[in-house]
Amino acid sequence: YSEDLEKVEKIINENLEEIGKNIPAIKQGPFYTGVDALADSSVVLRILAKCEELEKYKVARALNREMKLLFDRNNIGIPFPQLVIHQEEENKE
């Protein structure tokens, strides 16, 4: 949630063609389709690519790797689950 969504989307879109070249099993794409969910600790972005059915898990892992490397190169933080705890102050009477 702390990242600038428009900046992240721009970086993704500028790099999709190169990412596709890095994953030969992709037949079409990859395509950025937008924000998929607003989760507890993250904004989930959807990236799709067409490939052979038997290659789908391999392609998904490769896409995840490419996105992580892209985010690292551009100093885009990837969230982790966080819990905020509020503690009531004791009455000092």
PDB file of N, CA and C in Angstrom:
ATOM      1  N   TYR A   1       0.795  -1.197   0.000  1.00  0.00           N
ATOM      2  CA  TYR A   1       0.000   0.000   0.000  1.00  0.00           C
ATOM      3  C   TYR A   1       0.843   1.269   0.000  1.00  0.00           C
ATOM      4  N   SER A   2       2.101   1.166   0.392  1.00  0.00           N
ATOM      5  CA  SER A   2       2.924   2.370   0.486  1.00  0.00           C
ATOM      6  C   SER A   2       3.553   2.773  -0.850  1.00  0.00           C
ATOM      7  N   GLU A   3       3.484   1.920  -1.850  1.00  0.00           N
ATOM      8  CA  GLU A   3       4.064   2.243  -3.156  1.00  0.00           C
ATOM      9  C   GLU A   3       3.091   3.056  -4.005  1.00  0.00           C
ATOM     10  N   ASP A   4       3.635   3.879  -4.885  1.00  0.00           N
ATOM     11  CA  ASP A   4       2.844   4.673  -5.823  1.00  0.00           C
ATOM     12  C   ASP A   4       2.347   3.744  -6.928  1.00  0.00           C
ATOM     13  N   LEU A   5       1.051   3.452  -6.949  1.00  0.00           N
ATOM     14  CA  LEU A   5       0.486   2.487  -7.886  1.00  0.00           C
ATOM     15  C   LEU A   5       0.741   2.879  -9.334  1.00  0.00           C
ATOM     16  N   GLU A   6       0.580   4.146  -9.673  1.00  0.00           N
ATOM     17  CA  GLU A   6       0.796   4.567 -11.059  1.00  0.00           C
ATOM     18  C   GLU A   6       2.246   4.359 -11.483  1.00  0.00           C
ATOM     19  N   LYS A   7       3.186   4.598 -10.579  1.00  0.00           N
ATOM     20  CA  LYS A   7       4.606   4.359 -10.864  1.00  0.00           C
ATOM     21  C   LYS A   7       4.852   2.866 -11.097  1.00  0.00           C
ATOM     22  N   VAL A   8       4.302   2.031 -10.229  1.00  0.00           N
ATOM     23  CA  VAL A   8       4.477   0.580 -10.351  1.00  0.00           C
ATOM     24  C   VAL A   8       3.890   0.085 -11.669  1.00  0.00           C
ATOM     25  N   GLU A   9       2.678   0.545 -12.002  1.00  0.00           N
ATOM     26  CA  GLU A   9       2.050   0.126 -13.256  1.00  0.00           C
ATOM     27  C   GLU A   9       2.870   0.566 -14.468  1.00  0.00           C
ATOM     28  N   LYS A  10       3.422   1.751 -14.422  1.00  0.00           N
ATOM     29  CA  LYS A  10       4.248   2.251 -15.525  1.00  0.00           C
ATOM     30  C   LYS A  10       5.489   1.369 -15.702  1.00  0.00           C
ATOM     31  N   ILE A  11       6.151   1.050 -14.613  1.00  0.00           N
ATOM     32  CA  ILE A  11       7.350   0.209 -14.670  1.00  0.00           C
ATOM     33  C   ILE A  11       6.996  -1.182 -15.210  1.00  0.00           C
ATOM     34  N   ILE A  12       5.900  -1.743 -14.741  1.00  0.00           N
ATOM     35  CA  ILE A  12       5.480  -3.057 -15.233  1.00  0.00           C
ATOM     36  C   ILE A  12       5.247  -2.999 -16.744  1.00  0.00           C
ATOM     37  N   ASN A  13       4.429  -2.042 -17.175  1.00  0.00           N
ATOM     38  CA  ASN A  13       4.086  -1.959 -18.607  1.00  0.00           C
ATOM     39  C   ASN A  13       5.301  -1.702 -19.484  1.00  0.00           C
ATOM     40  N   GLU A  14       6.262  -0.937 -18.993  1.00  0.00           N
ATOM     41  CA  GLU A  14       7.476  -0.658 -19.774  1.00  0.00           C
ATOM     42  C   GLU A  14       8.374  -1.880 -19.903  1.00  0.00           C
ATOM     43  N   ASN A  15       8.197  -2.886 -19.053  1.00  0.00           N
ATOM     44  CA  ASN A  15       9.099  -4.035 -19.033  1.00  0.00           C
ATOM     45  C   ASN A  15       8.461  -5.352 -19.456  1.00  0.00           C
ATOM     46  N   LEU A  16       7.175  -5.364 -19.757  1.00  0.00           N
ATOM     47  CA  LEU A  16       6.510  -6.627 -20.093  1.00  0.00           C
ATOM     48  C   LEU A  16       7.078  -7.290 -21.336  1.00  0.00           C
ATOM     49  N   GLU A  17       7.401  -6.520 -22.347  1.00  0.00           N
ATOM     50  CA  GLU A  17       7.945  -7.111 -23.576  1.00  0.00           C
ATOM     51  C   GLU A  17       9.256  -7.841 -23.282  1.00  0.00           C
ATOM     52  N   GLU A  18      10.146  -7.205 -22.533  1.00  0.00           N
ATOM     53  CA  GLU A  18      11.427  -7.825 -22.174  1.00  0.00           C
ATOM     54  C   GLU A  18      11.217  -9.063 -21.306  1.00  0.00           C
ATOM     55  N   ILE A  19      10.287  -8.991 -20.366  1.00  0.00           N
ATOM     56  CA  ILE A  19       9.988 -10.149 -19.508  1.00  0.00           C
ATOM     57  C   ILE A  19       9.514 -11.309 -20.373  1.00  0.00           C
ATOM     58  N   GLY A  20       8.655 -11.030 -21.344  1.00  0.00           N
ATOM     59  CA  GLY A  20       8.181 -12.079 -22.249  1.00  0.00           C
ATOM     60  C   GLY A  20       9.315 -12.741 -23.021  1.00  0.00           C
ATOM     61  N   LYS A  21      10.302 -11.949 -23.433  1.00  0.00           N
ATOM     62  CA  LYS A  21      11.465 -12.494 -24.141  1.00  0.00           C
ATOM     63  C   LYS A  21      12.301 -13.396 -23.242  1.00  0.00           C
ATOM     64  N   ASN A  22      12.285 -13.121 -21.942  1.00  0.00           N
ATOM     65  CA  ASN A  22      13.078 -13.910 -20.993  1.00  0.00           C
ATOM     66  C   ASN A  22      12.432 -15.250 -20.651  1.00  0.00           C
ATOM     67  N   ILE A  23      11.177 -15.427 -21.052  1.00  0.00           N
ATOM     68  CA  ILE A  23      10.452 -16.670 -20.741  1.00  0.00           C
ATOM     69  C   ILE A  23       9.947 -17.266 -22.057  1.00  0.00           C
ATOM     70  N   PRO A  24      10.758 -18.096 -22.693  1.00  0.00           N
ATOM     71  CA  PRO A  24      10.414 -18.622 -24.022  1.00  0.00           C
ATOM     72  C   PRO A  24       9.120 -19.435 -24.071  1.00  0.00           C
ATOM     73  N   ALA A  25       8.673 -19.992 -22.953  1.00  0.00           N
ATOM     74  CA  ALA A  25       7.453 -20.804 -22.952  1.00  0.00           C
ATOM     75  C   ALA A  25       6.187 -19.962 -23.100  1.00  0.00           C
ATOM     76  N   ILE A  26       6.290 -18.652 -22.980  1.00  0.00           N
ATOM     77  CA  ILE A  26       5.129 -17.784 -23.153  1.00  0.00           C
ATOM     78  C   ILE A  26       4.815 -17.675 -24.645  1.00  0.00           C
ATOM     79  N   LYS A  27       3.560 -17.977 -25.002  1.00  0.00           N
ATOM     80  CA  LYS A  27       3.106 -17.907 -26.392  1.00  0.00           C
ATOM     81  C   LYS A  27       2.551 -16.528 -26.736  1.00  0.00           C
ATOM     82  N   GLN A  28       1.846 -15.900 -25.778  1.00  0.00           N
ATOM     83  CA  GLN A  28       1.320 -14.534 -25.941  1.00  0.00           C
ATOM     84  C   GLN A  28       1.438 -13.817 -24.603  1.00  0.00           C
ATOM     85  N   GLY A  29       1.844 -12.558 -24.685  1.00  0.00           N
ATOM     86  CA  GLY A  29       1.952 -11.770 -23.455  1.00  0.00           C
ATOM     87  C   GLY A  29       3.375 -11.719 -22.976  1.00  0.00           C
ATOM     88  N   PRO A  30       3.545 -11.395 -21.738  1.00  0.00           N
ATOM     89  CA  PRO A  30       2.561 -11.229 -20.673  1.00  0.00           C
ATOM     90  C   PRO A  30       1.806  -9.907 -20.791  1.00  0.00           C
ATOM     91  N   PHE A  31       0.642  -9.881 -20.131  1.00  0.00           N
ATOM     92  CA  PHE A  31      -0.229  -8.713 -20.124  1.00  0.00           C
ATOM     93  C   PHE A  31      -0.508  -8.300 -18.683  1.00  0.00           C
ATOM     94  N   TYR A  32      -0.442  -7.005 -18.419  1.00  0.00           N
ATOM     95  CA  TYR A  32      -0.848  -6.488 -17.113  1.00  0.00           C
ATOM     96  C   TYR A  32      -2.331  -6.168 -17.219  1.00  0.00           C
ATOM     97  N   THR A  33      -3.157  -6.769 -16.354  1.00  0.00           N
ATOM     98  CA  THR A  33      -4.603  -6.572 -16.447  1.00  0.00           C
ATOM     99  C   THR A  33      -5.166  -5.707 -15.325  1.00  0.00           C
ATOM    100  N   GLY A  34      -4.326  -5.275 -14.386  1.00  0.00           N
ATOM    101  CA  GLY A  34      -4.798  -4.336 -13.375  1.00  0.00           C
ATOM    102  C   GLY A  34      -4.760  -4.864 -11.958  1.00  0.00           C
ATOM    103  N   VAL A  35      -5.380  -4.091 -11.078  1.00  0.00           N
ATOM    104  CA  VAL A  35      -5.432  -4.438  -9.657  1.00  0.00           C
ATOM    105  C   VAL A  35      -6.479  -5.531  -9.477  1.00  0.00           C
ATOM    106  N   ASP A  36      -6.049  -6.659  -8.942  1.00  0.00           N
ATOM    107  CA  ASP A  36      -6.925  -7.811  -8.771  1.00  0.00           C
ATOM    108  C   ASP A  36      -7.612  -7.803  -7.416  1.00  0.00           C
ATOM    109  N   ALA A  37      -6.915  -7.312  -6.379  1.00  0.00           N
ATOM    110  CA  ALA A  37      -7.496  -7.323  -5.037  1.00  0.00           C
ATOM    111  C   ALA A  37      -6.770  -6.332  -4.136  1.00  0.00           C
ATOM    112  N   LEU A  38      -7.505  -5.837  -3.166  1.00  0.00           N
ATOM    113  CA  LEU A  38      -6.937  -5.036  -2.089  1.00  0.00           C
ATOM    114  C   LEU A  38      -6.962  -5.924  -0.856  1.00  0.00           C
ATOM    115  N   ALA A  39      -5.845  -6.564  -0.573  1.00  0.00           N
ATOM    116  CA  ALA A  39      -5.757  -7.542   0.509  1.00  0.00           C
ATOM    117  C   ALA A  39      -5.341  -6.858   1.813  1.00  0.00           C
ATOM    118  N   ASP A  40      -5.276  -7.638   2.877  1.00  0.00           N
ATOM    119  CA  ASP A  40      -4.928  -7.092   4.190  1.00  0.00           C
ATOM    120  C   ASP A  40      -3.606  -6.344   4.188  1.00  0.00           C
ATOM    121  N   SER A  41      -2.583  -6.937   3.582  1.00  0.00           N
ATOM    122  CA  SER A  41      -1.247  -6.345   3.621  1.00  0.00           C
ATOM    123  C   SER A  41      -0.670  -6.080   2.245  1.00  0.00           C
ATOM    124  N   SER A  42      -1.506  -6.134   1.204  1.00  0.00           N
ATOM    125  CA  SER A  42      -0.954  -5.968  -0.140  1.00  0.00           C
ATOM    126  C   SER A  42      -2.014  -5.526  -1.136  1.00  0.00           C
ATOM    127  N   VAL A  43      -1.524  -4.949  -2.222  1.00  0.00           N
ATOM    128  CA  VAL A  43      -2.337  -4.679  -3.397  1.00  0.00           C
ATOM    129  C   VAL A  43      -1.924  -5.743  -4.406  1.00  0.00           C
ATOM    130  N   VAL A  44      -2.854  -6.584  -4.811  1.00  0.00           N
ATOM    131  CA  VAL A  44      -2.548  -7.711  -5.684  1.00  0.00           C
ATOM    132  C   VAL A  44      -2.738  -7.275  -7.135  1.00  0.00           C
ATOM    133  N   LEU A  45      -1.673  -7.393  -7.914  1.00  0.00           N
ATOM    134  CA  LEU A  45      -1.701  -7.025  -9.323  1.00  0.00           C
ATOM    135  C   LEU A  45      -1.742  -8.297 -10.169  1.00  0.00           C
ATOM    136  N   ARG A  46      -2.500  -8.275 -11.257  1.00  0.00           N
ATOM    137  CA  ARG A  46      -2.627  -9.474 -12.087  1.00  0.00           C
ATOM    138  C   ARG A  46      -1.857  -9.308 -13.382  1.00  0.00           C
ATOM    139  N   ILE A  47      -1.019 -10.307 -13.657  1.00  0.00           N
ATOM    140  CA  ILE A  47      -0.273 -10.383 -14.907  1.00  0.00           C
ATOM    141  C   ILE A  47      -0.571 -11.743 -15.518  1.00  0.00           C
ATOM    142  N   LEU A  48      -1.016 -11.735 -16.761  1.00  0.00           N
ATOM    143  CA  LEU A  48      -1.389 -12.970 -17.445  1.00  0.00           C
ATOM    144  C   LEU A  48      -0.488 -13.212 -18.644  1.00  0.00           C
ATOM    145  N   ALA A  49      -0.325 -14.483 -18.981  1.00  0.00           N
ATOM    146  CA  ALA A  49       0.415 -14.872 -20.178  1.00  0.00           C
ATOM    147  C   ALA A  49      -0.189 -16.166 -20.696  1.00  0.00           C
ATOM    148  N   LYS A  50      -0.190 -16.335 -21.992  1.00  0.00           N
ATOM    149  CA  LYS A  50      -0.680 -17.571 -22.595  1.00  0.00           C
ATOM    150  C   LYS A  50       0.499 -18.499 -22.838  1.00  0.00           C
ATOM    151  N   CYS A  51       0.258 -19.775 -22.499  1.00  0.00           N
ATOM    152  CA  CYS A  51       1.289 -20.793 -22.681  1.00  0.00           C
ATOM    153  C   CYS A  51       0.605 -22.147 -22.810  1.00  0.00           C
ATOM    154  N   GLU A  52       1.392 -23.161 -23.095  1.00  0.00           N
ATOM    155  CA  GLU A  52       0.860 -24.520 -23.135  1.00  0.00           C
ATOM    156  C   GLU A  52       0.431 -24.926 -21.726  1.00  0.00           C
ATOM    157  N   GLU A  53      -0.638 -25.703 -21.629  1.00  0.00           N
ATOM    158  CA  GLU A  53      -1.179 -26.139 -20.335  1.00  0.00           C
ATOM    159  C   GLU A  53      -0.111 -26.777 -19.444  1.00  0.00           C
ATOM    160  N   LEU A  54       0.716 -27.630 -20.027  1.00  0.00           N
ATOM    161  CA  LEU A  54       1.735 -28.326 -19.235  1.00  0.00           C
ATOM    162  C   LEU A  54       2.863 -27.405 -18.761  1.00  0.00           C
ATOM    163  N   GLU A  55       2.918 -26.199 -19.294  1.00  0.00           N
ATOM    164  CA  GLU A  55       3.969 -25.236 -18.929  1.00  0.00           C
ATOM    165  C   GLU A  55       3.483 -24.189 -17.928  1.00  0.00           C
ATOM    166  N   LYS A  56       2.201 -24.218 -17.541  1.00  0.00           N
ATOM    167  CA  LYS A  56       1.631 -23.099 -16.788  1.00  0.00           C
ATOM    168  C   LYS A  56       2.306 -22.849 -15.441  1.00  0.00           C
ATOM    169  N   TYR A  57       2.684 -23.888 -14.713  1.00  0.00           N
ATOM    170  CA  TYR A  57       3.325 -23.671 -13.413  1.00  0.00           C
ATOM    171  C   TYR A  57       4.751 -23.157 -13.585  1.00  0.00           C
ATOM    172  N   LYS A  58       5.436 -23.676 -14.579  1.00  0.00           N
ATOM    173  CA  LYS A  58       6.787 -23.204 -14.894  1.00  0.00           C
ATOM    174  C   LYS A  58       6.748 -21.725 -15.291  1.00  0.00           C
ATOM    175  N   VAL A  59       5.785 -21.353 -16.121  1.00  0.00           N
ATOM    176  CA  VAL A  59       5.653 -19.959 -16.552  1.00  0.00           C
ATOM    177  C   VAL A  59       5.271 -19.064 -15.371  1.00  0.00           C
ATOM    178  N   ALA A  60       4.371 -19.524 -14.530  1.00  0.00           N
ATOM    179  CA  ALA A  60       3.973 -18.725 -13.357  1.00  0.00           C
ATOM    180  C   ALA A  60       5.176 -18.460 -12.448  1.00  0.00           C
ATOM    181  N   ARG A  61       5.988 -19.493 -12.210  1.00  0.00           N
ATOM    182  CA  ARG A  61       7.192 -19.307 -11.375  1.00  0.00           C
ATOM    183  C   ARG A  61       8.167 -18.339 -12.030  1.00  0.00           C
ATOM    184  N   ALA A  62       8.342 -18.464 -13.333  1.00  0.00           N
ATOM    185  CA  ALA A  62       9.260 -17.575 -14.051  1.00  0.00           C
ATOM    186  C   ALA A  62       8.753 -16.134 -14.031  1.00  0.00           C
ATOM    187  N   LEU A  63       7.442 -15.945 -14.195  1.00  0.00           N
ATOM    188  CA  LEU A  63       6.870 -14.599 -14.120  1.00  0.00           C
ATOM    189  C   LEU A  63       7.054 -13.998 -12.727  1.00  0.00           C
ATOM    190  N   ASN A  64       6.815 -14.802 -11.694  1.00  0.00           N
ATOM    191  CA  ASN A  64       7.032 -14.313 -10.323  1.00  0.00           C
ATOM    192  C   ASN A  64       8.482 -13.886 -10.129  1.00  0.00           C
ATOM    193  N   ARG A  65       9.407 -14.681 -10.633  1.00  0.00           N
ATOM    194  CA  ARG A  65      10.830 -14.349 -10.514  1.00  0.00           C
ATOM    195  C   ARG A  65      11.141 -13.038 -11.235  1.00  0.00           C
ATOM    196  N   GLU A  66      10.659 -12.914 -12.461  1.00  0.00           N
ATOM    197  CA  GLU A  66      10.919 -11.702 -13.241  1.00  0.00           C
ATOM    198  C   GLU A  66      10.330 -10.466 -12.563  1.00  0.00           C
ATOM    199  N   MET A  67       9.141 -10.594 -11.992  1.00  0.00           N
ATOM    200  CA  MET A  67       8.529  -9.456 -11.303  1.00  0.00           C
ATOM    201  C   MET A  67       9.328  -9.077 -10.059  1.00  0.00           C
ATOM    202  N   LYS A  68       9.794 -10.060  -9.310  1.00  0.00           N
ATOM    203  CA  LYS A  68      10.612  -9.772  -8.122  1.00  0.00           C
ATOM    204  C   LYS A  68      11.889  -9.052  -8.522  1.00  0.00           C
ATOM    205  N   LEU A  69      12.551  -9.529  -9.554  1.00  0.00           N
ATOM    206  CA  LEU A  69      13.777  -8.872 -10.024  1.00  0.00           C
ATOM    207  C   LEU A  69      13.489  -7.449 -10.510  1.00  0.00           C
ATOM    208  N   LEU A  70      12.387  -7.271 -11.227  1.00  0.00           N
ATOM    209  CA  LEU A  70      11.997  -5.945 -11.703  1.00  0.00           C
ATOM    210  C   LEU A  70      11.745  -5.010 -10.531  1.00  0.00           C
ATOM    211  N   PHE A  71      11.022  -5.481  -9.537  1.00  0.00           N
ATOM    212  CA  PHE A  71      10.742  -4.642  -8.369  1.00  0.00           C
ATOM    213  C   PHE A  71      12.026  -4.314  -7.613  1.00  0.00           C
ATOM    214  N   ASP A  72      12.915  -5.276  -7.490  1.00  0.00           N
ATOM    215  CA  ASP A  72      14.199  -5.021  -6.813  1.00  0.00           C
ATOM    216  C   ASP A  72      14.994  -3.939  -7.543  1.00  0.00           C
ATOM    217  N   ARG A  73      15.076  -4.039  -8.869  1.00  0.00           N
ATOM    218  CA  ARG A  73      15.832  -3.054  -9.662  1.00  0.00           C
ATOM    219  C   ARG A  73      15.254  -1.644  -9.544  1.00  0.00           C
ATOM    220  N   ASN A  74      13.961  -1.559  -9.254  1.00  0.00           N
ATOM    221  CA  ASN A  74      13.292  -0.262  -9.201  1.00  0.00           C
ATOM    222  C   ASN A  74      12.913   0.162  -7.781  1.00  0.00           C
ATOM    223  N   ASN A  75      13.497  -0.507  -6.793  1.00  0.00           N
ATOM    224  CA  ASN A  75      13.259  -0.184  -5.380  1.00  0.00           C
ATOM    225  C   ASN A  75      11.778  -0.148  -5.021  1.00  0.00           C
ATOM    226  N   ILE A  76      11.042  -1.120  -5.535  1.00  0.00           N
ATOM    227  CA  ILE A  76       9.623  -1.259  -5.211  1.00  0.00           C
ATOM    228  C   ILE A  76       9.512  -2.328  -4.133  1.00  0.00           C
ATOM    229  N   GLY A  77       8.989  -1.934  -2.984  1.00  0.00           N
ATOM    230  CA  GLY A  77       8.873  -2.866  -1.864  1.00  0.00           C
ATOM    231  C   GLY A  77       7.759  -3.875  -2.074  1.00  0.00           C
ATOM    232  N   ILE A  78       8.015  -5.095  -1.635  1.00  0.00           N
ATOM    233  CA  ILE A  78       7.003  -6.144  -1.662  1.00  0.00           C
ATOM    234  C   ILE A  78       6.535  -6.324  -0.223  1.00  0.00           C
ATOM    235  N   PRO A  79       5.223  -6.275   0.005  1.00  0.00           N
ATOM    236  CA  PRO A  79       4.718  -6.294   1.379  1.00  0.00           C
ATOM    237  C   PRO A  79       4.860  -7.648   2.049  1.00  0.00           C
ATOM    238  N   PHE A  80       4.764  -7.591   3.349  1.00  0.00           N
ATOM    239  CA  PHE A  80       4.722  -8.796   4.158  1.00  0.00           C
ATOM    240  C   PHE A  80       3.607  -8.590   5.170  1.00  0.00           C
ATOM    241  N   PRO A  81       3.030  -9.672   5.680  1.00  0.00           N
ATOM    242  CA  PRO A  81       1.937  -9.515   6.643  1.00  0.00           C
ATOM    243  C   PRO A  81       2.396  -8.712   7.859  1.00  0.00           C
ATOM    244  N   GLN A  82       1.562  -7.783   8.267  1.00  0.00           N
ATOM    245  CA  GLN A  82       1.872  -6.952   9.424  1.00  0.00           C
ATOM    246  C   GLN A  82       0.671  -6.926  10.350  1.00  0.00           C
ATOM    247  N   LEU A  83       0.940  -6.769  11.622  1.00  0.00           N
ATOM    248  CA  LEU A  83      -0.102  -6.705  12.620  1.00  0.00           C
ATOM    249  C   LEU A  83       0.159  -5.493  13.495  1.00  0.00           C
ATOM    250  N   VAL A  84      -0.824  -4.630  13.621  1.00  0.00           N
ATOM    251  CA  VAL A  84      -0.704  -3.461  14.476  1.00  0.00           C
ATOM    252  C   VAL A  84      -1.470  -3.746  15.759  1.00  0.00           C
ATOM    253  N   ILE A  85      -0.798  -3.574  16.885  1.00  0.00           N
ATOM    254  CA  ILE A  85      -1.417  -3.837  18.182  1.00  0.00           C
ATOM    255  C   ILE A  85      -1.561  -2.515  18.928  1.00  0.00           C
ATOM    256  N   HIS A  86      -2.764  -2.241  19.396  1.00  0.00           N
ATOM    257  CA  HIS A  86      -3.025  -1.050  20.201  1.00  0.00           C
ATOM    258  C   HIS A  86      -3.182  -1.494  21.648  1.00  0.00           C
ATOM    259  N   GLN A  87      -2.404  -0.893  22.506  1.00  0.00           N
ATOM    260  CA  GLN A  87      -2.451  -1.257  23.921  1.00  0.00           C
ATOM    261  C   GLN A  87      -3.045  -0.094  24.701  1.00  0.00           C
ATOM    262  N   GLU A  88      -4.042  -0.408  25.488  1.00  0.00           N
ATOM    263  CA  GLU A  88      -4.703   0.608  26.289  1.00  0.00           C
ATOM    264  C   GLU A  88      -3.777   1.041  27.415  1.00  0.00           C
ATOM    265  N   GLU A  89      -3.720   2.342  27.653  1.00  0.00           N
ATOM    266  CA  GLU A  89      -2.891   2.851  28.746  1.00  0.00           C
ATOM    267  C   GLU A  89      -3.580   2.571  30.077  1.00  0.00           C
ATOM    268  N   GLU A  90      -2.762   2.294  31.095  1.00  0.00           N
ATOM    269  CA  GLU A  90      -3.317   2.078  32.427  1.00  0.00           C
ATOM    270  C   GLU A  90      -3.755   3.404  33.020  1.00  0.00           C
ATOM    271  N   ASN A  91      -4.859   3.369  33.807  1.00  0.00           N
ATOM    272  CA  ASN A  91      -5.289   4.579  34.516  1.00  0.00           C
ATOM    273  C   ASN A  91      -4.296   4.890  35.621  1.00  0.00           C
ATOM    274  N   LYS A  92      -3.840   6.121  35.650  1.00  0.00           N
ATOM    275  CA  LYS A  92      -2.877   6.519  36.674  1.00  0.00           C
ATOM    276  C   LYS A  92      -3.596   7.411  37.688  1.00  0.00           C
ATOM    277  N   GLU A  93      -4.404   6.793  38.528  1.00  0.00           N
ATOM    278  CA  GLU A  93      -5.139   7.542  39.535  1.00  0.00           C
ATOM    279  C   GLU A  93      -4.560   7.361  40.893  1.00  0.00           C
TER     280      GLU A  93
END
